[in-house]
Amino acid sequence: MDVPSETFELNGRIGFVVYVQSLKQVKALRRYANLYYVSKREKYAFLYTDLDGHEEILEQVSALPFVEAVVRSERPFVAETYESKQK
């Protein structure tokens, strides 16, 4: 079996929370990013999108009339490796 010699590269992802006025409009968010989770009690949706071009998507989603607030995840921008203390 021949394996293609092409390399596969993963794109970075970023998540963001969108607070909505009503849950009826949550389906409309699917056209902007991948819908991951919806909280019925607190009326928010968690979405994922590619790291490239996420600023435009955040602006588009926050401009929708039924969106109250958008909170971006800071995980891609925080260092995940820590240096050990030298004593």
Protein backbone atom coordinates (compact mmCIF):
# COMPACT_ATOMS: atom_id res chain seq x y z
CA MET A 1 0.00 0.00 0.00
CA ASP A 2 1.41 3.33 -1.06
CA VAL A 3 1.22 6.22 1.38
CA PRO A 4 1.05 9.69 -0.17
CA SER A 5 4.13 11.75 0.51
CA GLU A 6 2.10 14.87 1.20
CA THR A 7 2.43 16.32 4.66
CA PHE A 8 -0.64 17.09 6.70
CA GLU A 9 -0.55 20.24 8.78
CA LEU A 10 -3.07 21.05 11.51
CA ASN A 11 -4.50 24.53 11.70
CA GLY A 12 -4.83 26.21 15.06
CA ARG A 13 -8.30 26.56 16.54
CA ILE A 14 -9.82 29.12 18.83
CA GLY A 15 -13.02 28.97 20.83
CA PHE A 16 -15.38 31.72 21.82
CA VAL A 17 -18.55 32.06 23.85
CA VAL A 18 -21.54 33.87 22.36
CA TYR A 19 -24.27 35.04 24.72
CA VAL A 20 -27.64 35.27 22.94
CA GLN A 21 -31.02 36.78 23.81
CA SER A 22 -33.00 33.72 22.76
CA LEU A 23 -32.04 30.16 21.88
CA LYS A 24 -34.04 30.29 18.65
CA GLN A 25 -31.20 32.13 16.92
CA VAL A 26 -28.46 29.65 17.87
CA LYS A 27 -28.90 27.76 14.59
CA ALA A 28 -27.87 30.91 12.71
CA LEU A 29 -24.45 30.80 14.39
CA ARG A 30 -23.58 27.58 12.54
CA ARG A 31 -22.77 29.48 9.38
CA TYR A 32 -19.95 31.37 11.11
CA ALA A 33 -18.16 28.62 13.08
CA ASN A 34 -18.47 25.06 14.40
CA LEU A 35 -21.11 24.89 17.10
CA TYR A 36 -19.73 22.87 20.00
CA TYR A 37 -22.05 23.39 22.98
CA VAL A 38 -25.27 25.25 23.85
CA SER A 39 -26.32 26.09 27.40
CA LYS A 40 -30.09 26.37 27.63
CA ARG A 41 -30.14 27.75 31.15
CA GLU A 42 -27.55 30.49 30.72
CA LYS A 43 -28.28 31.16 27.03
CA TYR A 44 -24.84 30.91 25.50
CA ALA A 45 -23.21 28.91 22.74
CA PHE A 46 -19.60 27.77 22.50
CA LEU A 47 -18.12 27.87 19.01
CA TYR A 48 -14.80 26.88 17.44
CA THR A 49 -13.16 28.35 14.35
CA ASP A 50 -9.74 28.43 12.70
CA LEU A 51 -7.16 30.71 14.24
CA ASP A 52 -6.50 32.28 10.83
CA GLY A 53 -9.10 34.97 10.22
CA HIS A 54 -10.91 34.58 13.53
CA GLU A 55 -11.03 38.36 14.08
CA GLU A 56 -13.37 38.86 11.11
CA ILE A 57 -15.67 36.10 12.34
CA LEU A 58 -15.78 37.61 15.83
CA GLU A 59 -16.72 40.99 14.37
CA GLN A 60 -19.46 39.45 12.20
CA VAL A 61 -20.94 37.46 15.08
CA SER A 62 -20.85 40.37 17.52
CA ALA A 63 -22.67 42.56 14.95
CA LEU A 64 -25.68 40.21 14.83
CA PRO A 65 -28.80 41.75 16.41
CA PHE A 66 -29.53 38.83 18.76
CA VAL A 67 -26.00 38.61 20.22
CA GLU A 68 -25.49 40.22 23.62
CA ALA A 69 -21.76 39.57 24.10
CA VAL A 70 -18.84 37.61 22.64
CA VAL A 71 -15.96 36.36 24.81
CA ARG A 72 -12.84 35.00 23.08
CA SER A 73 -10.80 32.18 24.59
CA GLU A 74 -7.25 33.18 25.51
CA ARG A 75 -5.84 29.65 25.47
CA PRO A 76 -3.99 29.90 22.10
CA PHE A 77 -2.17 33.00 23.34
CA VAL A 78 -1.04 31.65 26.72
CA ALA A 79 2.22 29.71 27.04
CA GLU A 80 1.57 26.06 27.94
CA THR A 81 5.14 25.16 28.85
CA TYR A 82 6.73 26.34 32.05
CA GLU A 83 10.37 26.56 32.96
CA SER A 84 11.43 24.78 36.11
CA LYS A 85 12.77 26.86 38.99
CA GLN A 86 16.51 26.78 39.43
CA LYS A 87 17.58 26.92 43.09
